[in-house]
């Protein structure tokens, strides 16, 4: 069945950068819309970045200007580049491709 395997999370200092990866199996990044969401502990899921099937990108307010969503069709992988990270960016980040969810990767921003 379709699976999304995420990686790239971990501990990063405030002001630092991180790139998350999501490798898809059983579903293609080509022809599907893609997104990254995050869940801060005790809060609801929120949209971080969205990319339509045509390649149009939309960003949520929380990380607008500090994140970039992209995809590599050859590797069947979607990425989220995050810059200028803040304490409040600490969360579990989830990949979404065409109706399928990843397991999430944890990002902790702390000195």
Protein backbone atom coordinates (compact mmCIF):
# COMPACT_ATOMS: atom_id res chain seq x y z
CA UNK A 1 0.00 0.00 0.00
CA UNK A 2 0.96 3.64 -0.21
CA UNK A 3 3.47 4.79 2.39
CA UNK A 4 5.20 8.06 3.18
CA UNK A 5 8.48 7.87 5.09
CA UNK A 6 9.70 11.12 6.62
CA UNK A 7 13.14 12.07 7.86
CA UNK A 8 15.27 15.11 8.65
CA UNK A 9 13.79 16.12 11.97
CA UNK A 10 15.80 16.59 15.11
CA UNK A 11 17.27 19.23 17.39
CA UNK A 12 18.18 22.61 15.93
CA UNK A 13 19.19 25.90 17.54
CA UNK A 14 17.08 29.04 17.21
CA UNK A 15 17.88 30.82 13.96
CA UNK A 16 19.05 27.59 12.36
CA UNK A 17 17.80 25.73 9.29
CA UNK A 18 16.49 22.25 8.63
CA UNK A 19 15.29 20.32 5.58
CA UNK A 20 12.65 17.65 5.98
CA UNK A 21 12.26 14.84 3.44
CA UNK A 22 9.29 12.62 2.61
CA UNK A 23 9.91 9.58 0.40
CA UNK A 24 6.74 8.19 -1.16
CA UNK A 25 6.05 4.56 -2.06
CA UNK A 26 2.91 3.33 -3.81
CA UNK A 27 1.93 6.89 -4.68
CA UNK A 28 3.61 9.40 -6.95
CA UNK A 29 4.50 13.02 -6.26
CA UNK A 30 3.86 13.52 -9.97
CA UNK A 31 0.17 14.23 -10.48
CA UNK A 32 -0.71 14.68 -6.81
CA UNK A 33 -1.03 17.70 -4.59
CA UNK A 34 1.40 17.81 -1.67
CA UNK A 35 1.53 19.51 1.69
CA UNK A 36 3.31 19.78 5.01
CA UNK A 37 1.37 20.21 8.24
CA UNK A 38 2.58 20.48 11.80
CA UNK A 39 1.14 19.83 15.24
CA UNK A 40 2.42 21.70 18.26
CA UNK A 41 1.87 19.72 21.46
CA UNK A 42 -1.62 20.34 22.78
CA UNK A 43 -2.75 22.23 19.67
CA UNK A 44 -4.54 21.41 16.43
CA UNK A 45 -2.88 20.49 13.16
CA UNK A 46 -1.98 23.51 11.06
CA UNK A 47 -0.94 23.96 7.45
CA UNK A 48 2.68 24.90 6.84
CA UNK A 49 2.96 24.60 3.06
CA UNK A 50 0.88 23.35 0.13
CA UNK A 51 1.75 22.69 -3.50
CA UNK A 52 -0.94 22.01 -6.09
CA UNK A 53 -0.69 19.57 -8.98
CA UNK A 54 0.24 22.48 -11.23
CA UNK A 55 3.08 23.52 -8.92
CA UNK A 56 1.42 26.53 -7.32
CA UNK A 57 2.61 27.01 -3.73
CA UNK A 58 0.68 28.33 -0.76
CA UNK A 59 2.02 28.88 2.76
CA UNK A 60 0.39 29.13 6.13
CA UNK A 61 0.93 32.24 8.21
CA UNK A 62 3.05 30.52 10.86
CA UNK A 63 6.08 29.95 8.63
CA UNK A 64 5.38 32.17 5.65
CA UNK A 65 8.67 33.54 4.36
CA UNK A 66 10.66 31.00 6.38
CA UNK A 67 9.73 27.77 4.58
CA UNK A 68 9.80 26.39 1.04
CA UNK A 69 8.06 23.27 -0.27
CA UNK A 70 9.56 21.44 -3.24
CA UNK A 71 9.51 18.03 -4.91
CA UNK A 72 11.92 15.77 -6.78
CA UNK A 73 9.97 13.61 -9.22
CA UNK A 74 12.94 11.34 -9.94
CA UNK A 75 13.36 10.52 -6.25
CA UNK A 76 9.58 10.56 -5.63
CA UNK A 77 10.31 12.82 -2.67
CA UNK A 78 8.82 16.02 -1.28
CA UNK A 79 10.88 18.44 0.82
CA UNK A 80 10.30 21.22 3.30
CA UNK A 81 13.16 23.67 3.74
CA UNK A 82 12.86 25.62 7.00
CA UNK A 83 14.96 28.66 7.90
CA UNK A 84 15.21 31.14 10.77
CA UNK A 85 13.65 28.62 13.12
CA UNK A 86 12.06 29.81 16.34
CA UNK A 87 11.20 28.17 19.66
CA UNK A 88 7.53 28.09 18.65
CA UNK A 89 8.36 25.98 15.57
CA UNK A 90 8.86 22.99 17.86
CA UNK A 91 6.31 20.43 16.62
CA UNK A 92 5.75 17.16 14.81
CA UNK A 93 5.76 17.79 11.07
CA UNK A 94 3.61 15.61 8.78
CA UNK A 95 3.87 15.00 5.05
CA UNK A 96 0.71 14.70 2.93
CA UNK A 97 0.54 13.47 -0.66
CA UNK A 98 -2.70 12.85 -2.54
CA UNK A 99 -4.71 11.69 0.47
CA UNK A 100 -1.92 9.82 2.28
CA UNK A 101 -0.22 10.91 5.50
CA UNK A 102 3.27 10.27 6.75
CA UNK A 103 4.07 9.19 10.29
CA UNK A 104 5.50 12.57 11.23
CA UNK A 105 9.00 13.73 12.12
CA UNK A 106 9.75 15.66 15.28
CA UNK A 107 11.49 19.04 15.21
CA UNK A 108 12.78 20.60 18.42
CA UNK A 109 14.11 24.16 18.38
CA UNK A 110 16.17 24.76 21.49
CA UNK A 111 19.57 26.13 22.51
